[in-house]
Amino acid sequence: MDVKVVRSYKGKGTKELQAFIQPGTAHYILKYEGGGELPEELSGVYTSISLVDEAVLRYISNSKDDSKKKSISKEEE
């Protein structure tokens, strides 16, 4: 069975997040291109691609906010 990528997302890291339809279901799942462990907030199944979009965009946005906070903290030290 050939599993096709429905959508890809590029975040801060080097690996792309890819959305697939879970075989045998109508649910979407996320995986990193080339494998790897997903963050807890992205694990699980989604019932629509729009919910996948929301989760990934929220994760990417929060990751950027966290990196800004870390760089500000380092500058203050």
C-alpha atoms as a PDB file:
ATOM      1  CA  MET A   1       0.000   0.000   0.000  1.00  0.00           C
ATOM      2  CA  ASP A   2       1.431   3.340  -1.097  1.00  0.00           C
ATOM      3  CA  VAL A   3       0.898   6.165   1.395  1.00  0.00           C
ATOM      4  CA  LYS A   4       0.889   9.629  -0.181  1.00  0.00           C
ATOM      5  CA  VAL A   5       1.806  12.892   1.501  1.00  0.00           C
ATOM      6  CA  VAL A   6      -1.296  15.101   1.659  1.00  0.00           C
ATOM      7  CA  ARG A   7       0.542  18.232   2.812  1.00  0.00           C
ATOM      8  CA  SER A   8       4.048  19.239   3.939  1.00  0.00           C
ATOM      9  CA  TYR A   9       5.044  21.919   6.427  1.00  0.00           C
ATOM     10  CA  LYS A  10       8.443  23.551   6.867  1.00  0.00           C
ATOM     11  CA  GLY A  11       9.232  24.667  10.390  1.00  0.00           C
ATOM     12  CA  LYS A  12      12.343  25.953  12.094  1.00  0.00           C
ATOM     13  CA  GLY A  13      14.077  22.558  11.985  1.00  0.00           C
ATOM     14  CA  THR A  14      15.631  20.817   9.032  1.00  0.00           C
ATOM     15  CA  LYS A  15      12.955  18.127   8.679  1.00  0.00           C
ATOM     16  CA  GLU A  16       9.580  18.724   7.106  1.00  0.00           C
ATOM     17  CA  LEU A  17       6.379  17.727   8.850  1.00  0.00           C
ATOM     18  CA  GLN A  18       4.204  15.679   6.541  1.00  0.00           C
ATOM     19  CA  ALA A  19       0.484  14.941   6.822  1.00  0.00           C
ATOM     20  CA  PHE A  20      -0.776  11.535   5.685  1.00  0.00           C
ATOM     21  CA  ILE A  21      -4.117   9.775   5.742  1.00  0.00           C
ATOM     22  CA  GLN A  22      -3.738   6.911   8.210  1.00  0.00           C
ATOM     23  CA  PRO A  23      -4.151   3.646   6.253  1.00  0.00           C
ATOM     24  CA  GLY A  24      -7.509   1.982   6.767  1.00  0.00           C
ATOM     25  CA  THR A  25      -9.100   5.135   8.244  1.00  0.00           C
ATOM     26  CA  ALA A  26     -10.176   8.613   7.231  1.00  0.00           C
ATOM     27  CA  HIS A  27      -7.912  10.230   9.852  1.00  0.00           C
ATOM     28  CA  TYR A  28      -4.838  12.338   9.251  1.00  0.00           C
ATOM     29  CA  ILE A  29      -1.539  11.782  11.041  1.00  0.00           C
ATOM     30  CA  LEU A  30       1.728  13.712  11.071  1.00  0.00           C
ATOM     31  CA  LYS A  31       5.240  12.359  10.616  1.00  0.00           C
ATOM     32  CA  TYR A  32       8.646  13.912  10.135  1.00  0.00           C
ATOM     33  CA  GLU A  33      10.209  13.392   6.736  1.00  0.00           C
ATOM     34  CA  GLY A  34      12.823  10.698   7.246  1.00  0.00           C
ATOM     35  CA  GLY A  35      11.389   9.693  10.642  1.00  0.00           C
ATOM     36  CA  GLY A  36      11.784  11.008  14.147  1.00  0.00           C
ATOM     37  CA  GLU A  37       9.713  11.567  17.261  1.00  0.00           C
ATOM     38  CA  LEU A  38       6.915  14.103  17.045  1.00  0.00           C
ATOM     39  CA  PRO A  39       6.361  16.640  19.809  1.00  0.00           C
ATOM     40  CA  GLU A  40       3.493  15.648  22.102  1.00  0.00           C
ATOM     41  CA  GLU A  41       1.257  18.472  20.857  1.00  0.00           C
ATOM     42  CA  LEU A  42       1.390  17.081  17.297  1.00  0.00           C
ATOM     43  CA  SER A  43       0.940  13.393  18.061  1.00  0.00           C
ATOM     44  CA  GLY A  44      -2.431  11.756  17.613  1.00  0.00           C
ATOM     45  CA  VAL A  45      -4.963  11.720  14.800  1.00  0.00           C
ATOM     46  CA  TYR A  46      -6.918  14.521  13.141  1.00  0.00           C
ATOM     47  CA  THR A  47     -10.320  14.337  11.472  1.00  0.00           C
ATOM     48  CA  SER A  48      -9.692  17.023   8.845  1.00  0.00           C
ATOM     49  CA  ILE A  49      -6.774  18.651   7.077  1.00  0.00           C
ATOM     50  CA  SER A  50      -7.855  22.043   8.458  1.00  0.00           C
ATOM     51  CA  LEU A  51      -7.329  20.713  12.006  1.00  0.00           C
ATOM     52  CA  VAL A  52      -3.874  19.504  10.956  1.00  0.00           C
ATOM     53  CA  ASP A  53      -3.132  22.990   9.567  1.00  0.00           C
ATOM     54  CA  GLU A  54      -4.222  24.643  12.815  1.00  0.00           C
ATOM     55  CA  ALA A  55      -2.142  22.310  14.991  1.00  0.00           C
ATOM     56  CA  VAL A  56       1.008  22.670  12.882  1.00  0.00           C
ATOM     57  CA  LEU A  57       0.732  26.446  12.559  1.00  0.00           C
ATOM     58  CA  ARG A  58       0.152  26.774  16.321  1.00  0.00           C
ATOM     59  CA  TYR A  59       3.182  24.542  16.995  1.00  0.00           C
ATOM     60  CA  ILE A  60       5.417  26.502  14.598  1.00  0.00           C
ATOM     61  CA  SER A  61       4.218  29.809  16.055  1.00  0.00           C
ATOM     62  CA  ASN A  62       4.861  28.637  19.623  1.00  0.00           C
ATOM     63  CA  SER A  63       8.306  27.334  18.638  1.00  0.00           C
ATOM     64  CA  LYS A  64       9.255  30.740  17.231  1.00  0.00           C
ATOM     65  CA  ASP A  65       7.938  32.474  20.367  1.00  0.00           C
ATOM     66  CA  ASP A  66       9.960  30.111  22.590  1.00  0.00           C
ATOM     67  CA  SER A  67      13.170  30.743  20.643  1.00  0.00           C
ATOM     68  CA  LYS A  68      12.645  34.526  20.950  1.00  0.00           C
ATOM     69  CA  LYS A  69      12.141  34.181  24.709  1.00  0.00           C
ATOM     70  CA  LYS A  70      15.327  32.114  25.016  1.00  0.00           C
ATOM     71  CA  SER A  71      17.389  34.637  23.062  1.00  0.00           C
ATOM     72  CA  ILE A  72      16.023  37.514  25.157  1.00  0.00           C
ATOM     73  CA  SER A  73      16.874  35.625  28.355  1.00  0.00           C
ATOM     74  CA  LYS A  74      20.435  35.013  27.146  1.00  0.00           C
ATOM     75  CA  GLU A  75      20.887  38.692  26.265  1.00  0.00           C
ATOM     76  CA  GLU A  76      19.720  39.755  29.733  1.00  0.00           C
ATOM     77  CA  GLU A  77      22.306  37.568  31.475  1.00  0.00           C
END
